[in-house]
Amino acid sequence: IRLLYFNKTRKDIILEDKLDQLASEESRFYVEHILSEP
């Protein structure tokens, strides 16, 4: 399961910590945050 999550800035990322934690705990889940105005 691969989630590509697009936002303008880091502060716009909803639930960043929870998504990253889930990715570290669940080997089938991968998340990548992609920012247009980082």
PDB file of all heavy atoms in Angstrom:
ATOM      1  N   ILE A   1       0.874  -1.165   0.000  1.00  0.00           N
ATOM      2  CA  ILE A   1       0.000   0.000   0.000  1.00  0.00           C
ATOM      3  C   ILE A   1       0.915   1.220   0.000  1.00  0.00           C
ATOM      4  O   ILE A   1       1.676   1.433   0.954  1.00  0.00           O
ATOM      5  CB  ILE A   1      -0.901   0.038   1.254  1.00  0.00           C
ATOM      6  CG1 ILE A   1      -1.671  -1.264   1.397  1.00  0.00           C
ATOM      7  CG2 ILE A   1      -1.827   1.250   1.210  1.00  0.00           C
ATOM      8  CD1 ILE A   1      -2.145  -1.550   2.802  1.00  0.00           C
ATOM      9  N   ARG A   2       0.859   2.006  -1.064  1.00  0.00           N
ATOM     10  CA  ARG A   2       1.749   3.157  -1.182  1.00  0.00           C
ATOM     11  C   ARG A   2       0.919   4.429  -1.303  1.00  0.00           C
ATOM     12  O   ARG A   2       0.148   4.583  -2.246  1.00  0.00           O
ATOM     13  CB  ARG A   2       2.670   3.007  -2.381  1.00  0.00           C
ATOM     14  CG  ARG A   2       3.669   4.130  -2.461  1.00  0.00           C
ATOM     15  CD  ARG A   2       4.803   3.799  -3.369  1.00  0.00           C
ATOM     16  NE  ARG A   2       5.796   4.868  -3.316  1.00  0.00           N
ATOM     17  CZ  ARG A   2       6.903   4.862  -4.000  1.00  0.00           C
ATOM     18  NH1 ARG A   2       7.194   3.851  -4.783  1.00  0.00           N
ATOM     19  NH2 ARG A   2       7.746   5.866  -3.911  1.00  0.00           N
ATOM     20  N   LEU A   3       1.078   5.326  -0.340  1.00  0.00           N
ATOM     21  CA  LEU A   3       0.375   6.606  -0.317  1.00  0.00           C
ATOM     22  C   LEU A   3       1.333   7.713  -0.723  1.00  0.00           C
ATOM     23  O   LEU A   3       2.383   7.885  -0.101  1.00  0.00           O
ATOM     24  CB  LEU A   3      -0.169   6.875   1.091  1.00  0.00           C
ATOM     25  CG  LEU A   3      -0.709   8.273   1.373  1.00  0.00           C
ATOM     26  CD1 LEU A   3      -1.917   8.592   0.496  1.00  0.00           C
ATOM     27  CD2 LEU A   3      -1.070   8.413   2.852  1.00  0.00           C
ATOM     28  N   LEU A   4       0.973   8.458  -1.759  1.00  0.00           N
ATOM     29  CA  LEU A   4       1.697   9.661  -2.145  1.00  0.00           C
ATOM     30  C   LEU A   4       0.789  10.824  -1.792  1.00  0.00           C
ATOM     31  O   LEU A   4      -0.311  10.953  -2.334  1.00  0.00           O
ATOM     32  CB  LEU A   4       2.032   9.650  -3.642  1.00  0.00           C
ATOM     33  CG  LEU A   4       3.150   8.668  -3.947  1.00  0.00           C
ATOM     34  CD1 LEU A   4       2.588   7.327  -4.319  1.00  0.00           C
ATOM     35  CD2 LEU A   4       4.060   9.212  -4.991  1.00  0.00           C
ATOM     36  N   TYR A   5       1.253  11.637  -0.847  1.00  0.00           N
ATOM     37  CA  TYR A   5       0.417  12.681  -0.263  1.00  0.00           C
ATOM     38  C   TYR A   5       1.001  14.044  -0.630  1.00  0.00           C
ATOM     39  O   TYR A   5       2.082  14.410  -0.186  1.00  0.00           O
ATOM     40  CB  TYR A   5       0.352  12.465   1.250  1.00  0.00           C
ATOM     41  CG  TYR A   5      -0.606  13.344   1.994  1.00  0.00           C
ATOM     42  CD1 TYR A   5      -1.655  13.997   1.360  1.00  0.00           C
ATOM     43  CD2 TYR A   5      -0.468  13.524   3.357  1.00  0.00           C
ATOM     44  CE1 TYR A   5      -2.531  14.796   2.065  1.00  0.00           C
ATOM     45  CE2 TYR A   5      -1.340  14.312   4.075  1.00  0.00           C
ATOM     46  CZ  TYR A   5      -2.373  14.954   3.417  1.00  0.00           C
ATOM     47  OH  TYR A   5      -3.237  15.752   4.118  1.00  0.00           O
ATOM     48  N   PHE A   6       0.277  14.792  -1.455  1.00  0.00           N
ATOM     49  CA  PHE A   6       0.711  16.076  -1.992  1.00  0.00           C
ATOM     50  C   PHE A   6       0.124  17.235  -1.186  1.00  0.00           C
ATOM     51  O   PHE A   6      -1.080  17.258  -0.917  1.00  0.00           O
ATOM     52  CB  PHE A   6       0.250  16.217  -3.450  1.00  0.00           C
ATOM     53  CG  PHE A   6       0.868  15.217  -4.373  1.00  0.00           C
ATOM     54  CD1 PHE A   6       0.361  13.927  -4.470  1.00  0.00           C
ATOM     55  CD2 PHE A   6       1.958  15.560  -5.150  1.00  0.00           C
ATOM     56  CE1 PHE A   6       0.934  12.994  -5.329  1.00  0.00           C
ATOM     57  CE2 PHE A   6       2.539  14.635  -6.011  1.00  0.00           C
ATOM     58  CZ  PHE A   6       2.019  13.353  -6.101  1.00  0.00           C
ATOM     59  N   ASN A   7       0.989  18.179  -0.822  1.00  0.00           N
ATOM     60  CA  ASN A   7       0.578  19.389  -0.117  1.00  0.00           C
ATOM     61  C   ASN A   7       1.477  20.539  -0.549  1.00  0.00           C
ATOM     62  O   ASN A   7       2.520  20.319  -1.170  1.00  0.00           O
ATOM     63  CB  ASN A   7       0.686  19.192   1.400  1.00  0.00           C
ATOM     64  CG  ASN A   7      -0.437  18.346   1.944  1.00  0.00           C
ATOM     65  OD1 ASN A   7      -1.555  18.805   2.084  1.00  0.00           O
ATOM     66  ND2 ASN A   7      -0.154  17.086   2.222  1.00  0.00           N
ATOM     67  N   LYS A   8       1.085  21.755  -0.192  1.00  0.00           N
ATOM     68  CA  LYS A   8       1.930  22.910  -0.513  1.00  0.00           C
ATOM     69  C   LYS A   8       3.123  22.972   0.430  1.00  0.00           C
ATOM     70  O   LYS A   8       4.267  23.010   0.002  1.00  0.00           O
ATOM     71  CB  LYS A   8       1.126  24.206  -0.434  1.00  0.00           C
ATOM     72  CG  LYS A   8       0.171  24.389  -1.577  1.00  0.00           C
ATOM     73  CD  LYS A   8      -0.541  25.721  -1.495  1.00  0.00           C
ATOM     74  CE  LYS A   8      -1.501  25.858  -2.659  1.00  0.00           C
ATOM     75  NZ  LYS A   8      -2.221  27.124  -2.631  1.00  0.00           N
ATOM     76  N   THR A   9       2.856  23.017   1.732  1.00  0.00           N
ATOM     77  CA  THR A   9       3.919  23.156   2.726  1.00  0.00           C
ATOM     78  C   THR A   9       3.791  22.046   3.766  1.00  0.00           C
ATOM     79  O   THR A   9       2.763  21.367   3.845  1.00  0.00           O
ATOM     80  CB  THR A   9       3.843  24.514   3.451  1.00  0.00           C
ATOM     81  OG1 THR A   9       2.646  24.547   4.238  1.00  0.00           O
ATOM     82  CG2 THR A   9       3.840  25.681   2.463  1.00  0.00           C
ATOM     83  N   ARG A  10       4.800  21.911   4.574  1.00  0.00           N
ATOM     84  CA  ARG A  10       4.784  20.876   5.607  1.00  0.00           C
ATOM     85  C   ARG A  10       3.649  21.101   6.603  1.00  0.00           C
ATOM     86  O   ARG A  10       3.031  20.141   7.074  1.00  0.00           O
ATOM     87  CB  ARG A  10       6.126  20.834   6.329  1.00  0.00           C
ATOM     88  CG  ARG A  10       6.227  19.645   7.247  1.00  0.00           C
ATOM     89  CD  ARG A  10       7.616  19.419   7.718  1.00  0.00           C
ATOM     90  NE  ARG A  10       7.719  18.057   8.203  1.00  0.00           N
ATOM     91  CZ  ARG A  10       8.845  17.494   8.532  1.00  0.00           C
ATOM     92  NH1 ARG A  10       9.972  18.155   8.411  1.00  0.00           N
ATOM     93  NH2 ARG A  10       8.871  16.260   8.985  1.00  0.00           N
ATOM     94  N   LYS A  11       3.347  22.348   6.907  1.00  0.00           N
ATOM     95  CA  LYS A  11       2.270  22.603   7.877  1.00  0.00           C
ATOM     96  C   LYS A  11       0.893  22.193   7.336  1.00  0.00           C
ATOM     97  O   LYS A  11      -0.051  22.024   8.095  1.00  0.00           O
ATOM     98  CB  LYS A  11       2.263  24.064   8.330  1.00  0.00           C
ATOM     99  CG  LYS A  11       1.785  25.061   7.317  1.00  0.00           C
ATOM    100  CD  LYS A  11       1.740  26.464   7.916  1.00  0.00           C
ATOM    101  CE  LYS A  11       1.254  27.491   6.931  1.00  0.00           C
ATOM    102  NZ  LYS A  11      -0.134  27.362   6.552  1.00  0.00           N
ATOM    103  N   ASP A  12       0.800  21.985   6.027  1.00  0.00           N
ATOM    104  CA  ASP A  12      -0.461  21.563   5.423  1.00  0.00           C
ATOM    105  C   ASP A  12      -0.680  20.049   5.506  1.00  0.00           C
ATOM    106  O   ASP A  12      -1.778  19.576   5.227  1.00  0.00           O
ATOM    107  CB  ASP A  12      -0.502  21.980   3.940  1.00  0.00           C
ATOM    108  CG  ASP A  12      -0.458  23.482   3.763  1.00  0.00           C
ATOM    109  OD1 ASP A  12      -1.075  24.193   4.574  1.00  0.00           O
ATOM    110  OD2 ASP A  12       0.197  23.945   2.809  1.00  0.00           O
ATOM    111  N   ILE A  13       0.338  19.303   5.882  1.00  0.00           N
ATOM    112  CA  ILE A  13       0.218  17.840   5.934  1.00  0.00           C
ATOM    113  C   ILE A  13      -0.656  17.453   7.128  1.00  0.00           C
ATOM    114  O   ILE A  13      -0.313  17.721   8.271  1.00  0.00           O
ATOM    115  CB  ILE A  13       1.596  17.160   6.055  1.00  0.00           C
ATOM    116  CG1 ILE A  13       2.477  17.526   4.863  1.00  0.00           C
ATOM    117  CG2 ILE A  13       1.423  15.644   6.156  1.00  0.00           C
ATOM    118  CD1 ILE A  13       3.911  17.040   4.989  1.00  0.00           C
ATOM    119  N   ILE A  14      -1.766  16.832   6.841  1.00  0.00           N
ATOM    120  CA  ILE A  14      -2.697  16.383   7.878  1.00  0.00           C
ATOM    121  C   ILE A  14      -2.219  15.026   8.396  1.00  0.00           C
ATOM    122  O   ILE A  14      -1.949  14.117   7.621  1.00  0.00           O
ATOM    123  CB  ILE A  14      -4.130  16.279   7.316  1.00  0.00           C
ATOM    124  CG1 ILE A  14      -4.604  17.659   6.834  1.00  0.00           C
ATOM    125  CG2 ILE A  14      -5.081  15.690   8.346  1.00  0.00           C
ATOM    126  CD1 ILE A  14      -5.887  17.617   6.027  1.00  0.00           C
ATOM    127  N   LEU A  15      -2.086  14.895   9.715  1.00  0.00           N
ATOM    128  CA  LEU A  15      -1.713  13.645  10.382  1.00  0.00           C
ATOM    129  C   LEU A  15      -0.353  13.103   9.943  1.00  0.00           C
ATOM    130  O   LEU A  15      -0.155  11.886   9.862  1.00  0.00           O
ATOM    131  CB  LEU A  15      -2.798  12.579  10.181  1.00  0.00           C
ATOM    132  CG  LEU A  15      -4.174  12.913  10.745  1.00  0.00           C
ATOM    133  CD1 LEU A  15      -5.180  11.861  10.331  1.00  0.00           C
ATOM    134  CD2 LEU A  15      -4.116  13.030  12.260  1.00  0.00           C
ATOM    135  N   GLU A  16       0.598  13.985   9.675  1.00  0.00           N
ATOM    136  CA  GLU A  16       1.925  13.552   9.232  1.00  0.00           C
ATOM    137  C   GLU A  16       2.550  12.548  10.197  1.00  0.00           C
ATOM    138  O   GLU A  16       3.037  11.493   9.783  1.00  0.00           O
ATOM    139  CB  GLU A  16       2.856  14.758   9.064  1.00  0.00           C
ATOM    140  CG  GLU A  16       4.255  14.372   8.645  1.00  0.00           C
ATOM    141  CD  GLU A  16       5.201  15.554   8.529  1.00  0.00           C
ATOM    142  OE1 GLU A  16       4.858  16.670   8.981  1.00  0.00           O
ATOM    143  OE2 GLU A  16       6.301  15.353   7.986  1.00  0.00           O
ATOM    144  N   ASP A  17       2.555  12.864  11.495  1.00  0.00           N
ATOM    145  CA  ASP A  17       3.182  11.971  12.473  1.00  0.00           C
ATOM    146  C   ASP A  17       2.512  10.597  12.504  1.00  0.00           C
ATOM    147  O   ASP A  17       3.193   9.572  12.571  1.00  0.00           O
ATOM    148  CB  ASP A  17       3.153  12.591  13.870  1.00  0.00           C
ATOM    149  CG  ASP A  17       4.052  13.815  13.981  1.00  0.00           C
ATOM    150  OD1 ASP A  17       4.963  13.971  13.141  1.00  0.00           O
ATOM    151  OD2 ASP A  17       3.842  14.623  14.904  1.00  0.00           O
ATOM    152  N   LYS A  18       1.185  10.580  12.464  1.00  0.00           N
ATOM    153  CA  LYS A  18       0.473   9.298  12.513  1.00  0.00           C
ATOM    154  C   LYS A  18       0.728   8.463  11.263  1.00  0.00           C
ATOM    155  O   LYS A  18       0.913   7.260  11.343  1.00  0.00           O
ATOM    156  CB  LYS A  18      -1.024   9.527  12.711  1.00  0.00           C
ATOM    157  CG  LYS A  18      -1.365  10.024  14.098  1.00  0.00           C
ATOM    158  CD  LYS A  18      -2.848  10.026  14.333  1.00  0.00           C
ATOM    159  CE  LYS A  18      -3.188  10.606  15.670  1.00  0.00           C
ATOM    160  NZ  LYS A  18      -3.051   9.723  16.780  1.00  0.00           N
ATOM    161  N   LEU A  19       0.764   9.119  10.102  1.00  0.00           N
ATOM    162  CA  LEU A  19       1.046   8.391   8.860  1.00  0.00           C
ATOM    163  C   LEU A  19       2.468   7.832   8.869  1.00  0.00           C
ATOM    164  O   LEU A  19       2.697   6.679   8.486  1.00  0.00           O
ATOM    165  CB  LEU A  19       0.841   9.305   7.649  1.00  0.00           C
ATOM    166  CG  LEU A  19      -0.608   9.692   7.353  1.00  0.00           C
ATOM    167  CD1 LEU A  19      -0.660  10.822   6.334  1.00  0.00           C
ATOM    168  CD2 LEU A  19      -1.403   8.484   6.872  1.00  0.00           C
ATOM    169  N   ASP A  20       3.413   8.650   9.297  1.00  0.00           N
ATOM    170  CA  ASP A  20       4.806   8.195   9.361  1.00  0.00           C
ATOM    171  C   ASP A  20       4.973   7.065  10.370  1.00  0.00           C
ATOM    172  O   ASP A  20       5.721   6.111  10.135  1.00  0.00           O
ATOM    173  CB  ASP A  20       5.735   9.359   9.696  1.00  0.00           C
ATOM    174  CG  ASP A  20       5.814  10.384   8.580  1.00  0.00           C
ATOM    175  OD1 ASP A  20       5.401  10.082   7.433  1.00  0.00           O
ATOM    176  OD2 ASP A  20       6.285  11.513   8.841  1.00  0.00           O
ATOM    177  N   GLN A  21       4.277   7.166  11.493  1.00  0.00           N
ATOM    178  CA  GLN A  21       4.351   6.107  12.501  1.00  0.00           C
ATOM    179  C   GLN A  21       3.765   4.807  11.948  1.00  0.00           C
ATOM    180  O   GLN A  21       4.342   3.730  12.128  1.00  0.00           O
ATOM    181  CB  GLN A  21       3.609   6.518  13.764  1.00  0.00           C
ATOM    182  CG  GLN A  21       3.641   5.455  14.848  1.00  0.00           C
ATOM    183  CD  GLN A  21       2.910   5.875  16.106  1.00  0.00           C
ATOM    184  OE1 GLN A  21       2.507   7.019  16.271  1.00  0.00           O
ATOM    185  NE2 GLN A  21       2.727   4.934  17.007  1.00  0.00           N
ATOM    186  N   LEU A  22       2.634   4.905  11.273  1.00  0.00           N
ATOM    187  CA  LEU A  22       2.022   3.716  10.689  1.00  0.00           C
ATOM    188  C   LEU A  22       2.970   3.067   9.682  1.00  0.00           C
ATOM    189  O   LEU A  22       3.128   1.839   9.664  1.00  0.00           O
ATOM    190  CB  LEU A  22       0.695   4.072  10.009  1.00  0.00           C
ATOM    191  CG  LEU A  22      -0.057   2.920   9.370  1.00  0.00           C
ATOM    192  CD1 LEU A  22      -0.419   1.849  10.399  1.00  0.00           C
ATOM    193  CD2 LEU A  22      -1.305   3.436   8.665  1.00  0.00           C
ATOM    194  N   ALA A  23       3.647   3.883   8.871  1.00  0.00           N
ATOM    195  CA  ALA A  23       4.595   3.347   7.895  1.00  0.00           C
ATOM    196  C   ALA A  23       5.769   2.648   8.583  1.00  0.00           C
ATOM    197  O   ALA A  23       6.279   1.649   8.078  1.00  0.00           O
ATOM    198  CB  ALA A  23       5.096   4.467   6.985  1.00  0.00           C
ATOM    199  N   SER A  24       6.181   3.158   9.738  1.00  0.00           N
ATOM    200  CA  SER A  24       7.297   2.515  10.450  1.00  0.00           C
ATOM    201  C   SER A  24       6.869   1.228  11.141  1.00  0.00           C
ATOM    202  O   SER A  24       7.684   0.338  11.362  1.00  0.00           O
ATOM    203  CB  SER A  24       7.929   3.483  11.458  1.00  0.00           C
ATOM    204  OG  SER A  24       7.067   3.704  12.548  1.00  0.00           O
ATOM    205  N   GLU A  25       5.592   1.105  11.461  1.00  0.00           N
ATOM    206  CA  GLU A  25       5.088  -0.073  12.167  1.00  0.00           C
ATOM    207  C   GLU A  25       4.536  -1.154  11.233  1.00  0.00           C
ATOM    208  O   GLU A  25       4.488  -2.316  11.606  1.00  0.00           O
ATOM    209  CB  GLU A  25       3.979   0.338  13.138  1.00  0.00           C
ATOM    210  CG  GLU A  25       4.465   1.216  14.269  1.00  0.00           C
ATOM    211  CD  GLU A  25       3.332   1.784  15.102  1.00  0.00           C
ATOM    212  OE1 GLU A  25       2.146   1.621  14.732  1.00  0.00           O
ATOM    213  OE2 GLU A  25       3.640   2.412  16.125  1.00  0.00           O
ATOM    214  N   GLU A  26       4.097  -0.761  10.060  1.00  0.00           N
ATOM    215  CA  GLU A  26       3.437  -1.693   9.146  1.00  0.00           C
ATOM    216  C   GLU A  26       4.254  -1.808   7.858  1.00  0.00           C
ATOM    217  O   GLU A  26       4.324  -0.869   7.081  1.00  0.00           O
ATOM    218  CB  GLU A  26       2.016  -1.199   8.841  1.00  0.00           C
ATOM    219  CG  GLU A  26       1.249  -2.002   7.829  1.00  0.00           C
ATOM    220  CD  GLU A  26       1.157  -3.478   8.144  1.00  0.00           C
ATOM    221  OE1 GLU A  26       0.522  -3.855   9.149  1.00  0.00           O
ATOM    222  OE2 GLU A  26       1.730  -4.267   7.359  1.00  0.00           O
ATOM    223  N   SER A  27       4.873  -2.950   7.646  1.00  0.00           N
ATOM    224  CA  SER A  27       5.795  -3.124   6.516  1.00  0.00           C
ATOM    225  C   SER A  27       5.108  -3.044   5.148  1.00  0.00           C
ATOM    226  O   SER A  27       5.759  -2.766   4.154  1.00  0.00           O
ATOM    227  CB  SER A  27       6.530  -4.468   6.636  1.00  0.00           C
ATOM    228  OG  SER A  27       5.608  -5.532   6.569  1.00  0.00           O
ATOM    229  N   ARG A  28       3.810  -3.261   5.092  1.00  0.00           N
ATOM    230  CA  ARG A  28       3.112  -3.190   3.801  1.00  0.00           C
ATOM    231  C   ARG A  28       2.736  -1.764   3.413  1.00  0.00           C
ATOM    232  O   ARG A  28       2.356  -1.519   2.273  1.00  0.00           O
ATOM    233  CB  ARG A  28       1.844  -4.044   3.826  1.00  0.00           C
ATOM    234  CG  ARG A  28       2.143  -5.518   4.008  1.00  0.00           C
ATOM    235  CD  ARG A  28       0.866  -6.342   3.977  1.00  0.00           C
ATOM    236  NE  ARG A  28      -0.051  -5.945   5.043  1.00  0.00           N
ATOM    237  CZ  ARG A  28      -1.382  -6.016   4.945  1.00  0.00           C
ATOM    238  NH1 ARG A  28      -1.955  -6.460   3.860  1.00  0.00           N
ATOM    239  NH2 ARG A  28      -2.145  -5.647   5.957  1.00  0.00           N
ATOM    240  N   PHE A  29       2.819  -0.834   4.356  1.00  0.00           N
ATOM    241  CA  PHE A  29       2.382   0.545   4.112  1.00  0.00           C
ATOM    242  C   PHE A  29       3.577   1.476   3.981  1.00  0.00           C
ATOM    243  O   PHE A  29       4.491   1.458   4.800  1.00  0.00           O
ATOM    244  CB  PHE A  29       1.481   1.023   5.256  1.00  0.00           C
ATOM    245  CG  PHE A  29       1.026   2.443   5.116  1.00  0.00           C
ATOM    246  CD1 PHE A  29       0.155   2.822   4.111  1.00  0.00           C
ATOM    247  CD2 PHE A  29       1.473   3.416   5.998  1.00  0.00           C
ATOM    248  CE1 PHE A  29      -0.260   4.138   3.979  1.00  0.00           C
ATOM    249  CE2 PHE A  29       1.065   4.737   5.875  1.00  0.00           C
ATOM    250  CZ  PHE A  29       0.194   5.097   4.870  1.00  0.00           C
ATOM    251  N   TYR A  30       3.554   2.281   2.938  1.00  0.00           N
ATOM    252  CA  TYR A  30       4.608   3.259   2.678  1.00  0.00           C
ATOM    253  C   TYR A  30       3.937   4.599   2.387  1.00  0.00           C
ATOM    254  O   TYR A  30       2.948   4.661   1.649  1.00  0.00           O
ATOM    255  CB  TYR A  30       5.435   2.811   1.463  1.00  0.00           C
ATOM    256  CG  TYR A  30       6.466   3.807   1.035  1.00  0.00           C
ATOM    257  CD1 TYR A  30       7.701   3.883   1.668  1.00  0.00           C
ATOM    258  CD2 TYR A  30       6.206   4.682  -0.012  1.00  0.00           C
ATOM    259  CE1 TYR A  30       8.651   4.813   1.274  1.00  0.00           C
ATOM    260  CE2 TYR A  30       7.150   5.608  -0.413  1.00  0.00           C
ATOM    261  CZ  TYR A  30       8.371   5.673   0.231  1.00  0.00           C
ATOM    262  OH  TYR A  30       9.305   6.590  -0.149  1.00  0.00           O
ATOM    263  N   VAL A  31       4.446   5.675   2.971  1.00  0.00           N
ATOM    264  CA  VAL A  31       3.914   7.011   2.703  1.00  0.00           C
ATOM    265  C   VAL A  31       5.054   7.916   2.246  1.00  0.00           C
ATOM    266  O   VAL A  31       6.169   7.841   2.777  1.00  0.00           O
ATOM    267  CB  VAL A  31       3.198   7.618   3.938  1.00  0.00           C
ATOM    268  CG1 VAL A  31       4.130   7.795   5.117  1.00  0.00           C
ATOM    269  CG2 VAL A  31       2.523   8.937   3.588  1.00  0.00           C
ATOM    270  N   GLU A  32       4.753   8.744   1.264  1.00  0.00           N
ATOM    271  CA  GLU A  32       5.710   9.752   0.815  1.00  0.00           C
ATOM    272  C   GLU A  32       4.982  11.087   0.742  1.00  0.00           C
ATOM    273  O   GLU A  32       3.940  11.193   0.097  1.00  0.00           O
ATOM    274  CB  GLU A  32       6.298   9.403  -0.549  1.00  0.00           C
ATOM    275  CG  GLU A  32       7.335  10.405  -0.995  1.00  0.00           C
ATOM    276  CD  GLU A  32       8.062  10.014  -2.270  1.00  0.00           C
ATOM    277  OE1 GLU A  32       7.689   9.005  -2.899  1.00  0.00           O
ATOM    278  OE2 GLU A  32       8.996  10.731  -2.634  1.00  0.00           O
ATOM    279  N   HIS A  33       5.528  12.073   1.439  1.00  0.00           N
ATOM    280  CA  HIS A  33       4.969  13.420   1.431  1.00  0.00           C
ATOM    281  C   HIS A  33       5.679  14.206   0.339  1.00  0.00           C
ATOM    282  O   HIS A  33       6.909  14.234   0.284  1.00  0.00           O
ATOM    283  CB  HIS A  33       5.176  14.100   2.783  1.00  0.00           C
ATOM    284  CG  HIS A  33       4.621  13.301   3.923  1.00  0.00           C
ATOM    285  ND1 HIS A  33       3.267  13.175   4.158  1.00  0.00           N
ATOM    286  CD2 HIS A  33       5.225  12.563   4.886  1.00  0.00           C
ATOM    287  CE1 HIS A  33       3.075  12.417   5.220  1.00  0.00           C
ATOM    288  NE2 HIS A  33       4.249  12.032   5.677  1.00  0.00           N
ATOM    289  N   ILE A  34       4.900  14.854  -0.525  1.00  0.00           N
ATOM    290  CA  ILE A  34       5.449  15.616  -1.639  1.00  0.00           C
ATOM    291  C   ILE A  34       4.925  17.043  -1.531  1.00  0.00           C
ATOM    292  O   ILE A  34       3.711  17.257  -1.496  1.00  0.00           O
ATOM    293  CB  ILE A  34       5.056  14.981  -2.986  1.00  0.00           C
ATOM    294  CG1 ILE A  34       5.536  13.525  -3.021  1.00  0.00           C
ATOM    295  CG2 ILE A  34       5.617  15.791  -4.148  1.00  0.00           C
ATOM    296  CD1 ILE A  34       5.005  12.725  -4.175  1.00  0.00           C
ATOM    297  N   LEU A  35       5.852  17.997  -1.449  1.00  0.00           N
ATOM    298  CA  LEU A  35       5.479  19.398  -1.235  1.00  0.00           C
ATOM    299  C   LEU A  35       5.777  20.253  -2.464  1.00  0.00           C
ATOM    300  O   LEU A  35       6.845  20.144  -3.056  1.00  0.00           O
ATOM    301  CB  LEU A  35       6.216  19.969  -0.026  1.00  0.00           C
ATOM    302  CG  LEU A  35       6.002  19.235   1.302  1.00  0.00           C
ATOM    303  CD1 LEU A  35       6.786  19.917   2.414  1.00  0.00           C
ATOM    304  CD2 LEU A  35       4.514  19.155   1.646  1.00  0.00           C
ATOM    305  N   SER A  36       4.833  21.127  -2.798  1.00  0.00           N
ATOM    306  CA  SER A  36       5.028  22.022  -3.939  1.00  0.00           C
ATOM    307  C   SER A  36       5.685  23.338  -3.533  1.00  0.00           C
ATOM    308  O   SER A  36       6.281  24.007  -4.369  1.00  0.00           O
ATOM    309  CB  SER A  36       3.700  22.297  -4.643  1.00  0.00           C
ATOM    310  OG  SER A  36       2.782  22.915  -3.764  1.00  0.00           O
ATOM    311  N   GLU A  37       5.582  23.714  -2.262  1.00  0.00           N
ATOM    312  CA  GLU A  37       6.191  24.949  -1.773  1.00  0.00           C
ATOM    313  C   GLU A  37       6.925  24.681  -0.453  1.00  0.00           C
ATOM    314  O   GLU A  37       6.592  25.264   0.586  1.00  0.00           O
ATOM    315  CB  GLU A  37       5.119  26.028  -1.577  1.00  0.00           C
ATOM    316  CG  GLU A  37       4.391  26.401  -2.857  1.00  0.00           C
ATOM    317  CD  GLU A  37       3.237  27.378  -2.635  1.00  0.00           C
ATOM    318  OE1 GLU A  37       3.130  27.971  -1.537  1.00  0.00           O
ATOM    319  OE2 GLU A  37       2.438  27.530  -3.570  1.00  0.00           O
ATOM    320  N   PRO A  38       7.921  23.794  -0.482  1.00  0.00           N
ATOM    321  CA  PRO A  38       8.592  23.419   0.772  1.00  0.00           C
ATOM    322  C   PRO A  38       9.563  24.491   1.253  1.00  0.00           C
ATOM    323  O   PRO A  38      10.009  25.334   0.468  1.00  0.00           O
ATOM    324  CB  PRO A  38       9.356  22.157   0.382  1.00  0.00           C
ATOM    325  CG  PRO A  38       9.673  22.364  -1.062  1.00  0.00           C
ATOM    326  CD  PRO A  38       8.480  23.095  -1.625  1.00  0.00           C
TER     327      PRO A  38
END
